[in-house]
Amino acid sequence: MPAAAPESPGLDLSLNEQERSLLLGLLERELQDTHVEARRTENPRFQEMVHQEEAILRGLIGKLRRP
C-alpha cells in the first residue's frame, strides 16, 4: 500500500467584500458550466474528472459563503 501523500500547507487569502463577491460569482458560474459539461459528455473518465472539479468548486463556494 503506498504511503499517503503529505498534506500541503493551507493558503490564507485576504479578500475585501467586493473581491469575495466577484470570486464567488465566478466560481458559481463555473460550477454551472461544469455541471452542463458533465451531463453532455459520454466519456466516463472525462465525466469523473468533471465531477471531481465540481466537488472542488462546491467546497470553494462553501468556504467563500461562510461569514
N, C-alpha and C. Protein backbone atom coordinates (compact mmCIF):
# COMPACT_ATOMS: atom_id res chain seq x y z
N MET A 1 0.84 -1.18 0.00
CA MET A 1 0.00 0.00 0.00
C MET A 1 0.89 1.24 0.00
N PRO A 2 0.67 2.19 -0.94
CA PRO A 2 1.53 3.37 -0.99
C PRO A 2 1.28 4.29 0.21
N ALA A 3 2.32 4.99 0.58
CA ALA A 3 2.21 5.94 1.70
C ALA A 3 1.32 7.10 1.29
N ALA A 4 0.61 7.63 2.26
CA ALA A 4 -0.26 8.77 2.00
C ALA A 4 0.59 9.98 1.65
N ALA A 5 0.12 10.76 0.71
CA ALA A 5 0.84 11.97 0.32
C ALA A 5 0.76 12.97 1.46
N PRO A 6 1.85 13.65 1.74
CA PRO A 6 1.82 14.63 2.82
C PRO A 6 0.88 15.78 2.45
N GLU A 7 0.19 16.29 3.46
CA GLU A 7 -0.71 17.42 3.20
C GLU A 7 0.11 18.66 2.92
N SER A 8 -0.33 19.40 1.94
CA SER A 8 0.35 20.66 1.66
C SER A 8 -0.20 21.71 2.62
N PRO A 9 0.62 22.70 2.94
CA PRO A 9 0.15 23.73 3.86
C PRO A 9 -1.01 24.50 3.24
N GLY A 10 -1.90 24.99 4.09
CA GLY A 10 -3.04 25.76 3.62
C GLY A 10 -2.60 27.11 3.07
N LEU A 11 -3.53 27.76 2.44
CA LEU A 11 -3.28 29.07 1.86
C LEU A 11 -4.24 30.05 2.49
N ASP A 12 -3.73 31.10 3.06
CA ASP A 12 -4.57 32.16 3.60
C ASP A 12 -4.65 33.27 2.58
N LEU A 13 -5.87 33.72 2.34
CA LEU A 13 -6.11 34.75 1.34
C LEU A 13 -7.03 35.78 1.93
N SER A 14 -6.63 37.01 1.91
CA SER A 14 -7.47 38.10 2.42
C SER A 14 -8.16 38.78 1.25
N LEU A 15 -9.48 38.85 1.33
CA LEU A 15 -10.27 39.48 0.29
C LEU A 15 -11.19 40.52 0.91
N ASN A 16 -11.38 41.64 0.22
CA ASN A 16 -12.41 42.56 0.68
C ASN A 16 -13.76 42.05 0.16
N GLU A 17 -14.84 42.66 0.57
CA GLU A 17 -16.17 42.16 0.22
C GLU A 17 -16.40 42.16 -1.29
N GLN A 18 -15.93 43.17 -1.98
CA GLN A 18 -16.11 43.24 -3.43
C GLN A 18 -15.35 42.10 -4.12
N GLU A 19 -14.14 41.83 -3.70
CA GLU A 19 -13.35 40.74 -4.27
C GLU A 19 -14.00 39.39 -3.98
N ARG A 20 -14.47 39.21 -2.74
CA ARG A 20 -15.11 37.96 -2.35
C ARG A 20 -16.36 37.72 -3.18
N SER A 21 -17.15 38.76 -3.36
CA SER A 21 -18.39 38.65 -4.14
C SER A 21 -18.10 38.31 -5.60
N LEU A 22 -17.11 38.95 -6.17
CA LEU A 22 -16.74 38.67 -7.56
C LEU A 22 -16.24 37.24 -7.72
N LEU A 23 -15.36 36.82 -6.84
CA LEU A 23 -14.82 35.46 -6.90
C LEU A 23 -15.93 34.43 -6.72
N LEU A 24 -16.83 34.68 -5.80
CA LEU A 24 -17.95 33.77 -5.57
C LEU A 24 -18.81 33.65 -6.83
N GLY A 25 -19.10 34.76 -7.47
CA GLY A 25 -19.89 34.74 -8.70
C GLY A 25 -19.20 33.96 -9.82
N LEU A 26 -17.90 34.16 -9.95
CA LEU A 26 -17.15 33.44 -10.98
C LEU A 26 -17.16 31.94 -10.73
N LEU A 27 -16.97 31.56 -9.48
CA LEU A 27 -16.97 30.13 -9.13
C LEU A 27 -18.35 29.51 -9.33
N GLU A 28 -19.40 30.24 -9.00
CA GLU A 28 -20.76 29.72 -9.20
C GLU A 28 -21.07 29.53 -10.68
N ARG A 29 -20.64 30.46 -11.51
CA ARG A 29 -20.85 30.31 -12.96
C ARG A 29 -20.06 29.12 -13.50
N GLU A 30 -18.84 28.96 -13.02
CA GLU A 30 -18.01 27.83 -13.45
C GLU A 30 -18.66 26.51 -13.03
N LEU A 31 -19.23 26.49 -11.84
CA LEU A 31 -19.91 25.28 -11.38
C LEU A 31 -21.09 24.94 -12.28
N GLN A 32 -21.85 25.94 -12.68
CA GLN A 32 -22.97 25.70 -13.60
C GLN A 32 -22.47 25.15 -14.93
N ASP A 33 -21.43 25.76 -15.46
CA ASP A 33 -20.86 25.31 -16.74
C ASP A 33 -20.33 23.88 -16.62
N THR A 34 -19.68 23.59 -15.51
CA THR A 34 -19.12 22.27 -15.30
C THR A 34 -20.21 21.22 -15.20
N HIS A 35 -21.31 21.58 -14.55
CA HIS A 35 -22.44 20.65 -14.42
C HIS A 35 -23.00 20.30 -15.81
N VAL A 36 -23.16 21.31 -16.65
CA VAL A 36 -23.65 21.08 -18.02
C VAL A 36 -22.66 20.21 -18.79
N GLU A 37 -21.39 20.49 -18.64
CA GLU A 37 -20.35 19.73 -19.33
C GLU A 37 -20.38 18.26 -18.91
N ALA A 38 -20.57 18.01 -17.63
CA ALA A 38 -20.61 16.63 -17.13
C ALA A 38 -21.79 15.87 -17.71
N ARG A 39 -22.90 16.55 -17.88
CA ARG A 39 -24.10 15.88 -18.40
C ARG A 39 -23.98 15.60 -19.89
N ARG A 40 -23.20 16.40 -20.60
CA ARG A 40 -23.11 16.25 -22.05
C ARG A 40 -22.10 15.20 -22.50
N THR A 41 -21.12 14.93 -21.68
CA THR A 41 -20.05 14.02 -22.10
C THR A 41 -20.48 12.56 -21.95
N GLU A 42 -19.95 11.74 -22.83
CA GLU A 42 -20.20 10.31 -22.76
C GLU A 42 -18.94 9.55 -22.34
N ASN A 43 -17.83 10.26 -22.21
CA ASN A 43 -16.56 9.66 -21.82
C ASN A 43 -16.51 9.52 -20.30
N PRO A 44 -16.52 8.31 -19.78
CA PRO A 44 -16.55 8.12 -18.32
C PRO A 44 -15.38 8.75 -17.58
N ARG A 45 -14.19 8.67 -18.15
CA ARG A 45 -13.02 9.27 -17.49
C ARG A 45 -13.15 10.78 -17.40
N PHE A 46 -13.58 11.39 -18.49
CA PHE A 46 -13.76 12.84 -18.50
C PHE A 46 -14.87 13.23 -17.54
N GLN A 47 -15.94 12.45 -17.52
CA GLN A 47 -17.06 12.74 -16.63
C GLN A 47 -16.61 12.67 -15.17
N GLU A 48 -15.79 11.70 -14.83
CA GLU A 48 -15.27 11.59 -13.46
C GLU A 48 -14.40 12.79 -13.11
N MET A 49 -13.57 13.22 -14.04
CA MET A 49 -12.74 14.40 -13.82
C MET A 49 -13.60 15.64 -13.57
N VAL A 50 -14.66 15.77 -14.36
CA VAL A 50 -15.54 16.92 -14.21
C VAL A 50 -16.27 16.86 -12.86
N HIS A 51 -16.66 15.68 -12.43
CA HIS A 51 -17.31 15.54 -11.12
C HIS A 51 -16.35 15.91 -9.99
N GLN A 52 -15.09 15.58 -10.14
CA GLN A 52 -14.10 15.97 -9.14
C GLN A 52 -13.94 17.48 -9.10
N GLU A 53 -13.95 18.11 -10.26
CA GLU A 53 -13.87 19.57 -10.32
C GLU A 53 -15.10 20.19 -9.67
N GLU A 54 -16.27 19.61 -9.91
CA GLU A 54 -17.49 20.11 -9.28
C GLU A 54 -17.37 20.07 -7.76
N ALA A 55 -16.84 18.99 -7.24
CA ALA A 55 -16.70 18.86 -5.79
C ALA A 55 -15.76 19.95 -5.24
N ILE A 56 -14.68 20.20 -5.94
CA ILE A 56 -13.74 21.24 -5.51
C ILE A 56 -14.41 22.61 -5.56
N LEU A 57 -15.13 22.88 -6.64
CA LEU A 57 -15.83 24.16 -6.76
C LEU A 57 -16.84 24.33 -5.64
N ARG A 58 -17.60 23.29 -5.33
CA ARG A 58 -18.59 23.38 -4.25
C ARG A 58 -17.90 23.68 -2.91
N GLY A 59 -16.75 23.06 -2.68
CA GLY A 59 -16.00 23.33 -1.46
C GLY A 59 -15.53 24.77 -1.38
N LEU A 60 -15.01 25.28 -2.48
CA LEU A 60 -14.56 26.68 -2.50
C LEU A 60 -15.72 27.65 -2.29
N ILE A 61 -16.83 27.37 -2.95
CA ILE A 61 -18.01 28.22 -2.81
C ILE A 61 -18.49 28.21 -1.36
N GLY A 62 -18.51 27.03 -0.76
CA GLY A 62 -18.91 26.94 0.65
C GLY A 62 -18.01 27.75 1.55
N LYS A 63 -16.72 27.72 1.30
CA LYS A 63 -15.78 28.49 2.12
C LYS A 63 -16.01 29.99 1.95
N LEU A 64 -16.29 30.43 0.73
CA LEU A 64 -16.50 31.86 0.50
C LEU A 64 -17.84 32.35 1.04
N ARG A 65 -18.79 31.47 1.21
CA ARG A 65 -20.10 31.87 1.73
C ARG A 65 -20.10 31.98 3.26
N ARG A 66 -19.13 31.36 3.90
CA ARG A 66 -19.05 31.45 5.36
C ARG A 66 -18.75 32.88 5.78
N PRO A 67 -19.39 33.30 6.89
CA PRO A 67 -19.12 34.68 7.38
C PRO A 67 -17.72 34.83 7.92
